[in-house]
């Protein structure tokens, strides 16, 4: 297993449509650790850590999200140490930032 850790910023109609909950379900399905939260600018931010294949699958899923969402774009980069410090053993929803 090749580990990966990604930071995603998802833009579009992604708040108020169950996006964070859907992220939680998808991440757990893929065996990822990490967190998700709403941002004040209307985007959703997530950090995922796991196998490279699982992170790639999650990134593909984030391009469309749950049914009620409209994803305009997803910005992806490697996660930083400060973001990874917030990752526990599972997947969590953090307070908005």
PDB file of N, CA and C in Angstrom:
ATOM      1  N   UNK A   1       0.844  -1.183   0.000  1.00  0.00           N
ATOM      2  CA  UNK A   1       0.000   0.000   0.000  1.00  0.00           C
ATOM      3  C   UNK A   1       0.890   1.248   0.000  1.00  0.00           C
ATOM      4  N   UNK A   2       0.685   2.085  -0.971  1.00  0.00           N
ATOM      5  CA  UNK A   2       1.401   3.359  -1.044  1.00  0.00           C
ATOM      6  C   UNK A   2       0.532   4.407  -0.361  1.00  0.00           C
ATOM      7  N   UNK A   3       1.007   4.994   0.743  1.00  0.00           N
ATOM      8  CA  UNK A   3       0.167   5.972   1.451  1.00  0.00           C
ATOM      9  C   UNK A   3       0.108   7.304   0.710  1.00  0.00           C
ATOM     10  N   UNK A   4      -0.998   7.972   0.890  1.00  0.00           N
ATOM     11  CA  UNK A   4      -1.187   9.299   0.312  1.00  0.00           C
ATOM     12  C   UNK A   4      -1.964  10.142   1.318  1.00  0.00           C
ATOM     13  N   UNK A   5      -1.806  11.439   1.216  1.00  0.00           N
ATOM     14  CA  UNK A   5      -2.556  12.375   2.063  1.00  0.00           C
ATOM     15  C   UNK A   5      -2.856  13.603   1.222  1.00  0.00           C
ATOM     16  N   UNK A   6      -4.139  13.875   1.029  1.00  0.00           N
ATOM     17  CA  UNK A   6      -4.563  14.963   0.161  1.00  0.00           C
ATOM     18  C   UNK A   6      -5.433  15.968   0.884  1.00  0.00           C
ATOM     19  N   UNK A   7      -5.327  17.203   0.449  1.00  0.00           N
ATOM     20  CA  UNK A   7      -6.195  18.290   0.896  1.00  0.00           C
ATOM     21  C   UNK A   7      -7.064  18.663  -0.304  1.00  0.00           C
ATOM     22  N   UNK A   8      -8.378  18.677  -0.109  1.00  0.00           N
ATOM     23  CA  UNK A   8      -9.299  19.036  -1.187  1.00  0.00           C
ATOM     24  C   UNK A   8     -10.129  20.237  -0.781  1.00  0.00           C
ATOM     25  N   UNK A   9     -10.366  21.113  -1.715  1.00  0.00           N
ATOM     26  CA  UNK A   9     -11.277  22.243  -1.523  1.00  0.00           C
ATOM     27  C   UNK A   9     -12.303  22.145  -2.642  1.00  0.00           C
ATOM     28  N   UNK A  10     -13.560  21.931  -2.278  1.00  0.00           N
ATOM     29  CA  UNK A  10     -14.623  21.649  -3.234  1.00  0.00           C
ATOM     30  C   UNK A  10     -15.540  22.868  -3.315  1.00  0.00           C
ATOM     31  N   UNK A  11     -15.726  23.370  -4.532  1.00  0.00           N
ATOM     32  CA  UNK A  11     -16.507  24.584  -4.771  1.00  0.00           C
ATOM     33  C   UNK A  11     -17.756  24.253  -5.579  1.00  0.00           C
ATOM     34  N   UNK A  12     -18.805  25.032  -5.370  1.00  0.00           N
ATOM     35  CA  UNK A  12     -20.069  24.856  -6.076  1.00  0.00           C
ATOM     36  C   UNK A  12     -21.203  24.948  -5.087  1.00  0.00           C
ATOM     37  N   UNK A  13     -22.310  24.257  -5.384  1.00  0.00           N
ATOM     38  CA  UNK A  13     -23.407  24.174  -4.408  1.00  0.00           C
ATOM     39  C   UNK A  13     -23.129  22.939  -3.562  1.00  0.00           C
ATOM     40  N   UNK A  14     -22.324  23.145  -2.517  1.00  0.00           N
ATOM     41  CA  UNK A  14     -21.832  22.021  -1.721  1.00  0.00           C
ATOM     42  C   UNK A  14     -22.149  22.167  -0.226  1.00  0.00           C
ATOM     43  N   UNK A  15     -22.829  23.228   0.152  1.00  0.00           N
ATOM     44  CA  UNK A  15     -23.284  23.378   1.542  1.00  0.00           C
ATOM     45  C   UNK A  15     -24.806  23.341   1.546  1.00  0.00           C
ATOM     46  N   UNK A  16     -25.353  22.728   2.582  1.00  0.00           N
ATOM     47  CA  UNK A  16     -26.805  22.623   2.696  1.00  0.00           C
ATOM     48  C   UNK A  16     -27.391  21.514   1.840  1.00  0.00           C
ATOM     49  N   UNK A  17     -26.550  20.628   1.317  1.00  0.00           N
ATOM     50  CA  UNK A  17     -27.031  19.537   0.465  1.00  0.00           C
ATOM     51  C   UNK A  17     -26.552  18.167   0.968  1.00  0.00           C
ATOM     52  N   UNK A  18     -26.052  18.112   2.202  1.00  0.00           N
ATOM     53  CA  UNK A  18     -25.573  16.862   2.780  1.00  0.00           C
ATOM     54  C   UNK A  18     -24.192  16.449   2.302  1.00  0.00           C
ATOM     55  N   UNK A  19     -23.430  17.400   1.779  1.00  0.00           N
ATOM     56  CA  UNK A  19     -22.115  17.073   1.218  1.00  0.00           C
ATOM     57  C   UNK A  19     -21.168  16.522   2.272  1.00  0.00           C
ATOM     58  N   UNK A  20     -21.086  17.169   3.430  1.00  0.00           N
ATOM     59  CA  UNK A  20     -20.148  16.695   4.467  1.00  0.00           C
ATOM     60  C   UNK A  20     -20.495  15.280   4.917  1.00  0.00           C
ATOM     61  N   UNK A  21     -21.776  15.012   5.096  1.00  0.00           N
ATOM     62  CA  UNK A  21     -22.191  13.673   5.504  1.00  0.00           C
ATOM     63  C   UNK A  21     -21.846  12.650   4.422  1.00  0.00           C
ATOM     64  N   UNK A  22     -22.061  13.025   3.162  1.00  0.00           N
ATOM     65  CA  UNK A  22     -21.727  12.129   2.051  1.00  0.00           C
ATOM     66  C   UNK A  22     -20.214  11.888   1.990  1.00  0.00           C
ATOM     67  N   UNK A  23     -19.411  12.916   2.267  1.00  0.00           N
ATOM     68  CA  UNK A  23     -17.949  12.759   2.329  1.00  0.00           C
ATOM     69  C   UNK A  23     -17.588  11.733   3.397  1.00  0.00           C
ATOM     70  N   UNK A  24     -18.187  11.859   4.560  1.00  0.00           N
ATOM     71  CA  UNK A  24     -17.929  10.936   5.663  1.00  0.00           C
ATOM     72  C   UNK A  24     -18.223   9.498   5.241  1.00  0.00           C
ATOM     73  N   UNK A  25     -19.364   9.273   4.630  1.00  0.00           N
ATOM     74  CA  UNK A  25     -19.765   7.920   4.207  1.00  0.00           C
ATOM     75  C   UNK A  25     -18.796   7.373   3.149  1.00  0.00           C
ATOM     76  N   UNK A  26     -18.468   8.200   2.148  1.00  0.00           N
ATOM     77  CA  UNK A  26     -17.576   7.755   1.079  1.00  0.00           C
ATOM     78  C   UNK A  26     -16.169   7.475   1.608  1.00  0.00           C
ATOM     79  N   UNK A  27     -15.666   8.343   2.463  1.00  0.00           N
ATOM     80  CA  UNK A  27     -14.332   8.137   3.030  1.00  0.00           C
ATOM     81  C   UNK A  27     -14.281   6.851   3.851  1.00  0.00           C
ATOM     82  N   UNK A  28     -15.295   6.622   4.660  1.00  0.00           N
ATOM     83  CA  UNK A  28     -15.326   5.387   5.453  1.00  0.00           C
ATOM     84  C   UNK A  28     -15.434   4.166   4.546  1.00  0.00           C
ATOM     85  N   UNK A  29     -16.212   4.258   3.473  1.00  0.00           N
ATOM     86  CA  UNK A  29     -16.350   3.149   2.522  1.00  0.00           C
ATOM     87  C   UNK A  29     -14.999   2.797   1.901  1.00  0.00           C
ATOM     88  N   UNK A  30     -14.187   3.815   1.640  1.00  0.00           N
ATOM     89  CA  UNK A  30     -12.878   3.617   1.022  1.00  0.00           C
ATOM     90  C   UNK A  30     -11.765   3.329   2.033  1.00  0.00           C
ATOM     91  N   UNK A  31     -12.091   3.341   3.334  1.00  0.00           N
ATOM     92  CA  UNK A  31     -11.094   3.056   4.363  1.00  0.00           C
ATOM     93  C   UNK A  31     -10.132   4.206   4.613  1.00  0.00           C
ATOM     94  N   UNK A  32     -10.579   5.438   4.362  1.00  0.00           N
ATOM     95  CA  UNK A  32      -9.731   6.614   4.554  1.00  0.00           C
ATOM     96  C   UNK A  32      -9.879   7.194   5.947  1.00  0.00           C
ATOM     97  N   UNK A  33      -8.841   7.837   6.402  1.00  0.00           N
ATOM     98  CA  UNK A  33      -8.880   8.638   7.623  1.00  0.00           C
ATOM     99  C   UNK A  33      -8.891  10.098   7.200  1.00  0.00           C
ATOM    100  N   UNK A  34      -9.374  10.971   8.084  1.00  0.00           N
ATOM    101  CA  UNK A  34      -9.317  12.390   7.767  1.00  0.00           C
ATOM    102  C   UNK A  34     -10.424  13.189   8.391  1.00  0.00           C
ATOM    103  N   UNK A  35     -10.749  14.303   7.732  1.00  0.00           N
ATOM    104  CA  UNK A  35     -11.780  15.202   8.244  1.00  0.00           C
ATOM    105  C   UNK A  35     -12.383  16.020   7.111  1.00  0.00           C
ATOM    106  N   UNK A  36     -13.542  16.602   7.413  1.00  0.00           N
ATOM    107  CA  UNK A  36     -14.242  17.465   6.464  1.00  0.00           C
ATOM    108  C   UNK A  36     -14.874  18.599   7.244  1.00  0.00           C
ATOM    109  N   UNK A  37     -14.981  19.774   6.605  1.00  0.00           N
ATOM    110  CA  UNK A  37     -15.654  20.907   7.242  1.00  0.00           C
ATOM    111  C   UNK A  37     -16.116  21.901   6.180  1.00  0.00           C
ATOM    112  N   UNK A  38     -17.131  22.687   6.539  1.00  0.00           N
ATOM    113  CA  UNK A  38     -17.573  23.795   5.695  1.00  0.00           C
ATOM    114  C   UNK A  38     -16.623  24.968   5.871  1.00  0.00           C
ATOM    115  N   UNK A  39     -16.501  25.764   4.818  1.00  0.00           N
ATOM    116  CA  UNK A  39     -15.730  27.010   4.874  1.00  0.00           C
ATOM    117  C   UNK A  39     -16.697  28.180   4.726  1.00  0.00           C
ATOM    118  N   UNK A  40     -16.328  29.305   5.318  1.00  0.00           N
ATOM    119  CA  UNK A  40     -17.201  30.490   5.280  1.00  0.00           C
ATOM    120  C   UNK A  40     -17.463  30.994   3.862  1.00  0.00           C
ATOM    121  N   UNK A  41     -16.565  30.676   2.929  1.00  0.00           N
ATOM    122  CA  UNK A  41     -16.751  31.133   1.546  1.00  0.00           C
ATOM    123  C   UNK A  41     -17.731  30.265   0.753  1.00  0.00           C
ATOM    124  N   UNK A  42     -18.336  29.256   1.407  1.00  0.00           N
ATOM    125  CA  UNK A  42     -19.311  28.395   0.752  1.00  0.00           C
ATOM    126  C   UNK A  42     -18.737  27.099   0.216  1.00  0.00           C
ATOM    127  N   UNK A  43     -17.438  26.918   0.332  1.00  0.00           N
ATOM    128  CA  UNK A  43     -16.808  25.677  -0.133  1.00  0.00           C
ATOM    129  C   UNK A  43     -16.787  24.643   0.992  1.00  0.00           C
ATOM    130  N   UNK A  44     -16.389  23.449   0.647  1.00  0.00           N
ATOM    131  CA  UNK A  44     -16.170  22.374   1.613  1.00  0.00           C
ATOM    132  C   UNK A  44     -14.702  21.978   1.505  1.00  0.00           C
ATOM    133  N   UNK A  45     -14.078  21.768   2.660  1.00  0.00           N
ATOM    134  CA  UNK A  45     -12.666  21.413   2.732  1.00  0.00           C
ATOM    135  C   UNK A  45     -12.545  20.021   3.348  1.00  0.00           C
ATOM    136  N   UNK A  46     -11.667  19.196   2.787  1.00  0.00           N
ATOM    137  CA  UNK A  46     -11.462  17.852   3.327  1.00  0.00           C
ATOM    138  C   UNK A  46      -9.992  17.481   3.253  1.00  0.00           C
ATOM    139  N   UNK A  47      -9.556  16.692   4.222  1.00  0.00           N
ATOM    140  CA  UNK A  47      -8.234  16.077   4.212  1.00  0.00           C
ATOM    141  C   UNK A  47      -8.465  14.578   4.322  1.00  0.00           C
ATOM    142  N   UNK A  48      -7.861  13.830   3.401  1.00  0.00           N
ATOM    143  CA  UNK A  48      -7.986  12.372   3.420  1.00  0.00           C
ATOM    144  C   UNK A  48      -6.603  11.744   3.422  1.00  0.00           C
ATOM    145  N   UNK A  49      -6.488  10.635   4.157  1.00  0.00           N
ATOM    146  CA  UNK A  49      -5.219   9.897   4.233  1.00  0.00           C
ATOM    147  C   UNK A  49      -5.529   8.413   4.110  1.00  0.00           C
ATOM    148  N   UNK A  50      -4.758   7.737   3.271  1.00  0.00           N
ATOM    149  CA  UNK A  50      -4.943   6.296   3.066  1.00  0.00           C
ATOM    150  C   UNK A  50      -4.107   5.846   1.896  1.00  0.00           C
ATOM    151  N   UNK A  51      -4.520   4.774   1.259  1.00  0.00           N
ATOM    152  CA  UNK A  51      -3.779   4.284   0.096  1.00  0.00           C
ATOM    153  C   UNK A  51      -3.934   5.271  -1.055  1.00  0.00           C
ATOM    154  N   UNK A  52      -2.957   5.271  -1.950  1.00  0.00           N
ATOM    155  CA  UNK A  52      -3.023   6.148  -3.114  1.00  0.00           C
ATOM    156  C   UNK A  52      -4.265   5.844  -3.947  1.00  0.00           C
ATOM    157  N   UNK A  53      -4.602   4.564  -4.083  1.00  0.00           N
ATOM    158  CA  UNK A  53      -5.776   4.177  -4.873  1.00  0.00           C
ATOM    159  C   UNK A  53      -7.062   4.694  -4.239  1.00  0.00           C
ATOM    160  N   UNK A  54      -7.182   4.577  -2.916  1.00  0.00           N
ATOM    161  CA  UNK A  54      -8.389   5.054  -2.227  1.00  0.00           C
ATOM    162  C   UNK A  54      -8.496   6.575  -2.322  1.00  0.00           C
ATOM    163  N   UNK A  55      -7.370   7.273  -2.182  1.00  0.00           N
ATOM    164  CA  UNK A  55      -7.387   8.740  -2.301  1.00  0.00           C
ATOM    165  C   UNK A  55      -7.778   9.161  -3.713  1.00  0.00           C
ATOM    166  N   UNK A  56      -7.299   8.431  -4.715  1.00  0.00           N
ATOM    167  CA  UNK A  56      -7.663   8.737  -6.101  1.00  0.00           C
ATOM    168  C   UNK A  56      -9.157   8.510  -6.332  1.00  0.00           C
ATOM    169  N   UNK A  57      -9.692   7.418  -5.793  1.00  0.00           N
ATOM    170  CA  UNK A  57     -11.127   7.142  -5.925  1.00  0.00           C
ATOM    171  C   UNK A  57     -11.952   8.223  -5.240  1.00  0.00           C
ATOM    172  N   UNK A  58     -11.506   8.648  -4.059  1.00  0.00           N
ATOM    173  CA  UNK A  58     -12.221   9.693  -3.336  1.00  0.00           C
ATOM    174  C   UNK A  58     -12.214  10.998  -4.135  1.00  0.00           C
ATOM    175  N   UNK A  59     -11.068  11.345  -4.713  1.00  0.00           N
ATOM    176  CA  UNK A  59     -10.961  12.575  -5.498  1.00  0.00           C
ATOM    177  C   UNK A  59     -11.900  12.531  -6.693  1.00  0.00           C
ATOM    178  N   UNK A  60     -12.007  11.387  -7.359  1.00  0.00           N
ATOM    179  CA  UNK A  60     -12.954  11.240  -8.467  1.00  0.00           C
ATOM    180  C   UNK A  60     -14.379  11.427  -7.977  1.00  0.00           C
ATOM    181  N   UNK A  61     -14.715  10.807  -6.853  1.00  0.00           N
ATOM    182  CA  UNK A  61     -16.064  10.937  -6.297  1.00  0.00           C
ATOM    183  C   UNK A  61     -16.358  12.405  -5.972  1.00  0.00           C
ATOM    184  N   UNK A  62     -15.387  13.128  -5.410  1.00  0.00           N
ATOM    185  CA  UNK A  62     -15.590  14.528  -5.014  1.00  0.00           C
ATOM    186  C   UNK A  62     -15.900  15.425  -6.210  1.00  0.00           C
ATOM    187  N   UNK A  63     -15.525  15.007  -7.414  1.00  0.00           N
ATOM    188  CA  UNK A  63     -15.822  15.795  -8.612  1.00  0.00           C
ATOM    189  C   UNK A  63     -17.326  15.890  -8.871  1.00  0.00           C
ATOM    190  N   UNK A  64     -18.099  14.950  -8.333  1.00  0.00           N
ATOM    191  CA  UNK A  64     -19.558  14.990  -8.514  1.00  0.00           C
ATOM    192  C   UNK A  64     -20.312  15.100  -7.196  1.00  0.00           C
ATOM    193  N   UNK A  65     -19.811  14.461  -6.120  1.00  0.00           N
ATOM    194  CA  UNK A  65     -20.447  14.546  -4.812  1.00  0.00           C
ATOM    195  C   UNK A  65     -21.799  13.867  -4.775  1.00  0.00           C
ATOM    196  N   UNK A  66     -22.604  14.164  -3.749  1.00  0.00           N
ATOM    197  CA  UNK A  66     -23.928  13.561  -3.638  1.00  0.00           C
ATOM    198  C   UNK A  66     -24.890  14.156  -4.672  1.00  0.00           C
ATOM    199  N   UNK A  67     -26.019  13.519  -4.825  1.00  0.00           N
ATOM    200  CA  UNK A  67     -26.994  13.870  -5.856  1.00  0.00           C
ATOM    201  C   UNK A  67     -27.421  15.343  -5.827  1.00  0.00           C
ATOM    202  N   UNK A  68     -27.661  15.905  -4.669  1.00  0.00           N
ATOM    203  CA  UNK A  68     -28.180  17.280  -4.569  1.00  0.00           C
ATOM    204  C   UNK A  68     -27.109  18.349  -4.791  1.00  0.00           C
ATOM    205  N   UNK A  69     -25.860  17.948  -4.832  1.00  0.00           N
ATOM    206  CA  UNK A  69     -24.764  18.914  -4.973  1.00  0.00           C
ATOM    207  C   UNK A  69     -24.529  19.272  -6.444  1.00  0.00           C
ATOM    208  N   UNK A  70     -23.870  20.413  -6.619  1.00  0.00           N
ATOM    209  CA  UNK A  70     -23.352  20.798  -7.936  1.00  0.00           C
ATOM    210  C   UNK A  70     -21.898  21.206  -7.713  1.00  0.00           C
ATOM    211  N   UNK A  71     -20.986  20.386  -8.160  1.00  0.00           N
ATOM    212  CA  UNK A  71     -19.565  20.663  -7.975  1.00  0.00           C
ATOM    213  C   UNK A  71     -19.058  21.410  -9.200  1.00  0.00           C
ATOM    214  N   UNK A  72     -18.542  22.621  -8.965  1.00  0.00           N
ATOM    215  CA  UNK A  72     -17.975  23.421 -10.047  1.00  0.00           C
ATOM    216  C   UNK A  72     -16.502  23.118 -10.257  1.00  0.00           C
ATOM    217  N   UNK A  73     -15.764  22.951  -9.161  1.00  0.00           N
ATOM    218  CA  UNK A  73     -14.340  22.617  -9.268  1.00  0.00           C
ATOM    219  C   UNK A  73     -13.838  22.052  -7.945  1.00  0.00           C
ATOM    220  N   UNK A  74     -12.767  21.285  -8.056  1.00  0.00           N
ATOM    221  CA  UNK A  74     -12.107  20.713  -6.884  1.00  0.00           C
ATOM    222  C   UNK A  74     -10.628  21.050  -6.984  1.00  0.00           C
ATOM    223  N   UNK A  75     -10.118  21.729  -5.975  1.00  0.00           N
ATOM    224  CA  UNK A  75      -8.686  22.017  -5.878  1.00  0.00           C
ATOM    225  C   UNK A  75      -8.075  20.926  -4.999  1.00  0.00           C
ATOM    226  N   UNK A  76      -7.000  20.306  -5.486  1.00  0.00           N
ATOM    227  CA  UNK A  76      -6.358  19.207  -4.766  1.00  0.00           C
ATOM    228  C   UNK A  76      -4.861  19.475  -4.653  1.00  0.00           C
ATOM    229  N   UNK A  77      -4.325  19.206  -3.471  1.00  0.00           N
ATOM    230  CA  UNK A  77      -2.886  19.309  -3.240  1.00  0.00           C
ATOM    231  C   UNK A  77      -2.515  18.311  -2.153  1.00  0.00           C
ATOM    232  N   UNK A  78      -1.227  18.087  -1.981  1.00  0.00           N
ATOM    233  CA  UNK A  78      -0.783  17.238  -0.880  1.00  0.00           C
ATOM    234  C   UNK A  78      -1.111  17.921   0.440  1.00  0.00           C
ATOM    235  N   UNK A  79      -1.562  17.148   1.409  1.00  0.00           N
ATOM    236  CA  UNK A  79      -1.898  17.697   2.723  1.00  0.00           C
ATOM    237  C   UNK A  79      -0.623  18.040   3.488  1.00  0.00           C
ATOM    238  N   UNK A  80      -0.678  19.133   4.242  1.00  0.00           N
ATOM    239  CA  UNK A  80       0.446  19.560   5.060  1.00  0.00           C
ATOM    240  C   UNK A  80       0.419  18.925   6.436  1.00  0.00           C
ATOM    241  N   UNK A  81       1.544  19.029   7.128  1.00  0.00           N
ATOM    242  CA  UNK A  81       1.658  18.446   8.468  1.00  0.00           C
ATOM    243  C   UNK A  81       0.624  19.003   9.437  1.00  0.00           C
ATOM    244  N   UNK A  82       0.341  20.313   9.366  1.00  0.00           N
ATOM    245  CA  UNK A  82      -0.639  20.910  10.279  1.00  0.00           C
ATOM    246  C   UNK A  82      -2.034  20.353  10.033  1.00  0.00           C
ATOM    247  N   UNK A  83      -2.380  20.073   8.783  1.00  0.00           N
ATOM    248  CA  UNK A  83      -3.686  19.492   8.464  1.00  0.00           C
ATOM    249  C   UNK A  83      -3.747  18.034   8.908  1.00  0.00           C
ATOM    250  N   UNK A  84      -2.649  17.319   8.730  1.00  0.00           N
ATOM    251  CA  UNK A  84      -2.609  15.916   9.127  1.00  0.00           C
ATOM    252  C   UNK A  84      -2.637  15.752  10.640  1.00  0.00           C
ATOM    253  N   UNK A  85      -2.188  16.772  11.369  1.00  0.00           N
ATOM    254  CA  UNK A  85      -2.211  16.711  12.829  1.00  0.00           C
ATOM    255  C   UNK A  85      -3.643  16.604  13.359  1.00  0.00           C
ATOM    256  N   UNK A  86      -4.613  17.033  12.563  1.00  0.00           N
ATOM    257  CA  UNK A  86      -6.021  16.986  12.969  1.00  0.00           C
ATOM    258  C   UNK A  86      -6.684  15.653  12.625  1.00  0.00           C
ATOM    259  N   UNK A  87      -5.947  14.755  11.954  1.00  0.00           N
ATOM    260  CA  UNK A  87      -6.491  13.473  11.534  1.00  0.00           C
ATOM    261  C   UNK A  87      -6.349  12.471  12.668  1.00  0.00           C
ATOM    262  N   UNK A  88      -7.467  11.866  13.041  1.00  0.00           N
ATOM    263  CA  UNK A  88      -7.453  10.826  14.068  1.00  0.00           C
ATOM    264  C   UNK A  88      -7.437   9.446  13.423  1.00  0.00           C
ATOM    265  N   UNK A  89      -7.987   8.470  14.126  1.00  0.00           N
ATOM    266  CA  UNK A  89      -8.012   7.102  13.619  1.00  0.00           C
ATOM    267  C   UNK A  89      -9.114   6.864  12.600  1.00  0.00           C
ATOM    268  N   UNK A  90     -10.126   7.716  12.588  1.00  0.00           N
ATOM    269  CA  UNK A  90     -11.244   7.529  11.675  1.00  0.00           C
ATOM    270  C   UNK A  90     -11.440   8.750  10.795  1.00  0.00           C
ATOM    271  N   UNK A  91     -12.695   9.101  10.594  1.00  0.00           N
ATOM    272  CA  UNK A  91     -13.034  10.267   9.789  1.00  0.00           C
ATOM    273  C   UNK A  91     -13.981  11.131  10.600  1.00  0.00           C
ATOM    274  N   UNK A  92     -13.746  12.451  10.595  1.00  0.00           N
ATOM    275  CA  UNK A  92     -14.515  13.347  11.465  1.00  0.00           C
ATOM    276  C   UNK A  92     -15.049  14.555  10.697  1.00  0.00           C
ATOM    277  N   UNK A  93     -16.142  15.096  11.195  1.00  0.00           N
ATOM    278  CA  UNK A  93     -16.652  16.378  10.723  1.00  0.00           C
ATOM    279  C   UNK A  93     -16.182  17.421  11.719  1.00  0.00           C
ATOM    280  N   UNK A  94     -15.431  18.401  11.229  1.00  0.00           N
ATOM    281  CA  UNK A  94     -14.923  19.471  12.090  1.00  0.00           C
ATOM    282  C   UNK A  94     -15.842  20.687  12.004  1.00  0.00           C
ATOM    283  N   UNK A  95     -15.763  21.582  12.989  1.00  0.00           N
ATOM    284  CA  UNK A  95     -16.547  22.817  12.922  1.00  0.00           C
ATOM    285  C   UNK A  95     -16.132  23.660  11.711  1.00  0.00           C
ATOM    286  N   UNK A  96     -17.051  24.475  11.250  1.00  0.00           N
ATOM    287  CA  UNK A  96     -16.780  25.349  10.111  1.00  0.00           C
ATOM    288  C   UNK A  96     -15.597  26.281  10.402  1.00  0.00           C
ATOM    289  N   UNK A  97     -14.916  26.666   9.355  1.00  0.00           N
ATOM    290  CA  UNK A  97     -13.756  27.560   9.493  1.00  0.00           C
ATOM    291  C   UNK A  97     -13.881  28.711   8.525  1.00  0.00           C
TER     292      UNK A  97
END
